[in-house]
Amino acid sequence: MGYLGIQSYHPTEYRELSLFYDYASSVFAKTKNRKIDGYKAVFNQNGDFCEDCPLIIQIDDINFEISTSQDELISLTTNSIDLKEEIVWLEKDKWTWVDSGLTILDRLIGHKINSISIIGLDYGDIGKAIHGILFNCSNNDNSFKLLIRTNYDKITLLSIEDDKTEEPKIEMKCY
């Protein structure tokens, strides 16, 4: 059985903040000062973005595939998804990969990546949890911090300033 509607996709999921940080730091190591070339997101026939399916950020010739199936659980792979494979999610919908339509990501295409961080939440005695991946990007005089956040079983895209999570945040820079 596949993952999130993609039969051949079987990523490793991370719940432990420090383990994911170590893994993500090595995966993102070669992206410093590179530009975001594009992205792929899944939409249905009505133009609705599928937050349940993986999101792909394209940098150089690498597809960085980010997904979540539960709150505080995240996976990150590279070039693992066959974009020609049919996405079988909700039977009534026809899902396809598209490379535009998410305003927050459309505006980042061509932006240089200054840093990538893993964002965690500090729950005190309960422990620490993964909150998301933060891309700090710039293009000439414009800068933007995009948080790709785990949100129960969905990916949420927002600027770091718009993240209203109450728990204290932990920023662990990959570079």
Protein backbone atom coordinates (compact mmCIF):
# COMPACT_ATOMS: atom_id res chain seq x y z
CA MET A 1 0.00 0.00 0.00
CA GLY A 2 1.23 3.48 -0.81
CA TYR A 3 1.23 6.68 1.13
CA LEU A 4 -1.21 9.57 0.84
CA GLY A 5 -2.74 8.34 -2.40
CA ILE A 6 0.53 7.46 -4.15
CA GLN A 7 0.98 3.69 -4.34
CA SER A 8 4.75 3.64 -4.94
CA TYR A 9 5.62 6.28 -2.32
CA HIS A 10 6.88 4.90 1.02
CA PRO A 11 8.72 7.64 2.96
CA THR A 12 10.20 7.37 6.43
CA GLU A 13 8.17 9.43 8.89
CA TYR A 14 9.81 11.36 11.74
CA ARG A 15 8.29 12.32 15.06
CA GLU A 16 11.49 12.94 17.05
CA LEU A 17 12.66 16.55 16.54
CA SER A 18 16.42 15.92 16.89
CA LEU A 19 16.38 12.91 14.54
CA PHE A 20 14.47 14.83 11.89
CA TYR A 21 16.80 17.82 12.29
CA ASP A 22 19.87 15.64 11.70
CA TYR A 23 18.29 14.00 8.66
CA ALA A 24 16.92 17.24 7.16
CA SER A 25 20.26 19.03 7.65
CA SER A 26 21.99 16.46 5.48
CA VAL A 27 19.19 16.47 2.86
CA PHE A 28 19.14 20.27 2.56
CA ALA A 29 22.96 20.74 2.77
CA LYS A 30 23.43 21.56 -0.92
CA THR A 31 20.57 24.08 -1.17
CA LYS A 32 22.31 27.06 0.45
CA ASN A 33 22.21 30.12 -1.80
CA ARG A 34 20.29 28.15 -4.46
CA LYS A 35 17.02 29.39 -5.87
CA ILE A 36 13.59 27.86 -5.62
CA ASP A 37 12.90 26.82 -9.21
CA GLY A 38 9.31 25.77 -8.71
CA TYR A 39 7.00 23.42 -6.91
CA LYS A 40 4.43 20.72 -7.48
CA ALA A 41 1.22 20.48 -5.51
CA VAL A 42 -1.83 18.27 -5.91
CA PHE A 43 -5.17 19.78 -6.93
CA ASN A 44 -8.51 18.21 -7.79
CA GLN A 45 -10.71 18.91 -10.81
CA ASN A 46 -12.37 21.82 -8.93
CA GLY A 47 -9.06 23.56 -8.30
CA ASP A 48 -8.91 22.60 -4.61
CA PHE A 49 -5.41 22.17 -3.15
CA CYS A 50 -4.95 18.77 -1.48
CA GLU A 51 -3.17 19.54 1.79
CA ASP A 52 -3.09 15.81 2.55
CA CYS A 53 -0.82 14.93 -0.38
CA PRO A 54 2.93 15.59 -0.49
CA LEU A 55 4.20 19.02 -1.52
CA ILE A 56 7.27 19.19 -3.74
CA ILE A 57 9.74 22.10 -3.64
CA GLN A 58 12.04 22.11 -6.68
CA ILE A 59 15.61 23.32 -6.21
CA ASP A 60 18.11 22.74 -9.01
CA ASP A 61 17.24 19.29 -10.36
CA ILE A 62 16.04 17.97 -7.02
CA ASN A 63 12.44 17.48 -5.91
CA PHE A 64 12.23 17.89 -2.14
CA GLU A 65 9.05 16.02 -1.18
CA ILE A 66 7.44 17.04 2.12
CA SER A 67 4.44 15.32 3.62
CA THR A 68 2.65 14.70 6.90
CA SER A 69 0.12 12.07 7.87
CA GLN A 70 -0.42 13.09 11.51
CA ASP A 71 0.22 16.11 13.69
CA GLU A 72 3.91 16.47 14.55
CA LEU A 73 4.84 13.69 12.12
CA ILE A 74 6.75 14.62 8.96
CA SER A 75 8.56 13.00 6.07
CA LEU A 76 11.11 14.41 3.66
CA THR A 77 12.34 12.63 0.54
CA THR A 78 14.11 13.58 -2.67
CA ASN A 79 13.12 12.49 -6.17
CA SER A 80 11.06 9.58 -4.81
CA ILE A 81 7.65 10.42 -6.28
CA ASP A 82 6.74 9.37 -9.79
CA LEU A 83 4.76 12.40 -10.98
CA LYS A 84 3.16 10.30 -13.73
CA GLU A 85 1.62 7.87 -11.25
CA GLU A 86 -2.11 8.23 -10.67
CA ILE A 87 -3.07 9.69 -7.29
CA VAL A 88 -5.86 7.65 -5.74
CA TRP A 89 -7.30 9.61 -2.84
CA LEU A 90 -11.00 10.33 -2.69
CA GLU A 91 -12.85 8.29 -5.28
CA LYS A 92 -15.06 11.18 -6.43
CA ASP A 93 -12.08 13.40 -7.23
CA LYS A 94 -9.46 13.41 -9.98
CA TRP A 95 -6.14 14.59 -8.56
CA THR A 96 -3.25 16.00 -10.60
CA TRP A 97 0.14 17.60 -9.98
CA VAL A 98 0.30 21.28 -10.89
CA ASP A 99 3.08 23.86 -10.73
CA SER A 100 1.11 27.00 -9.92
CA GLY A 101 -1.96 28.11 -8.04
CA LEU A 102 -0.60 28.52 -4.52
CA THR A 103 0.05 32.25 -4.20
CA ILE A 104 2.40 31.87 -1.24
CA LEU A 105 4.62 29.52 -3.27
CA ASP A 106 4.17 31.29 -6.63
CA ARG A 107 5.82 34.37 -5.12
CA LEU A 108 8.87 32.39 -3.96
CA ILE A 109 9.88 31.03 -7.35
CA GLY A 110 13.28 32.50 -8.22
CA HIS A 111 14.01 33.51 -4.61
CA LYS A 112 17.41 32.60 -3.15
CA ILE A 113 17.38 30.35 -0.10
CA ASN A 114 19.31 32.07 2.70
CA SER A 115 18.65 29.42 5.31
CA ILE A 116 16.48 26.45 6.14
CA SER A 117 15.49 25.63 9.69
CA ILE A 118 13.52 22.93 11.40
CA ILE A 119 10.96 24.45 13.74
CA GLY A 120 9.97 22.58 16.86
CA LEU A 121 7.58 23.26 19.70
CA ASP A 122 8.60 23.09 23.34
CA TYR A 123 5.89 21.49 25.49
CA GLY A 124 7.98 21.72 28.66
CA ASP A 125 7.85 18.50 30.71
CA ILE A 126 5.89 16.72 27.97
CA GLY A 127 8.75 17.13 25.49
CA LYS A 128 9.50 18.66 22.11
CA ALA A 129 7.70 18.13 18.81
CA ILE A 130 8.22 18.83 15.12
CA HIS A 131 6.28 21.87 13.93
CA GLY A 132 7.59 22.31 10.38
CA ILE A 133 10.29 23.44 7.97
CA LEU A 134 11.15 27.13 7.61
CA PHE A 135 12.55 28.46 4.33
CA ASN A 136 14.15 31.91 4.69
CA CYS A 137 14.30 33.33 1.16
CA SER A 138 15.16 36.62 -0.52
CA ASN A 139 14.99 38.21 -3.95
CA ASN A 140 16.61 41.64 -4.30
CA ASP A 141 15.03 43.73 -1.52
CA ASN A 142 12.24 41.28 -0.72
CA SER A 143 12.58 38.60 1.92
CA PHE A 144 10.07 36.02 3.03
CA LYS A 145 9.99 33.25 5.60
CA LEU A 146 7.77 30.36 4.51
CA LEU A 147 6.75 27.83 7.13
CA ILE A 148 5.67 24.44 5.80
CA ARG A 149 3.91 23.23 8.92
CA THR A 150 2.53 19.91 10.07
CA ASN A 151 -1.09 20.55 10.92
CA TYR A 152 -2.71 17.33 12.07
CA ASP A 153 -2.72 15.35 8.81
CA LYS A 154 -2.32 18.35 6.49
CA ILE A 155 0.45 20.60 5.26
CA THR A 156 -0.15 24.26 6.03
CA LEU A 157 1.72 27.02 4.20
CA LEU A 158 2.12 30.38 5.92
CA SER A 159 4.60 33.10 6.68
CA ILE A 160 6.34 32.60 10.02
CA GLU A 161 4.79 35.86 11.20
CA ASP A 162 1.31 34.42 10.62
CA ASP A 163 1.95 31.31 12.70
CA LYS A 164 -0.05 31.86 15.89
CA THR A 165 0.95 28.66 17.68
CA GLU A 166 1.03 29.40 21.40
CA GLU A 167 3.77 26.97 22.48
CA PRO A 168 7.34 28.32 22.49
CA LYS A 169 9.10 27.65 19.20
CA ILE A 170 12.54 26.13 18.82
CA GLU A 171 14.48 27.06 15.66
CA MET A 172 17.18 24.61 14.64
CA LYS A 173 19.10 25.93 11.61
CA CYS A 174 20.13 23.37 9.01
CA TYR A 175 22.45 26.10 7.71
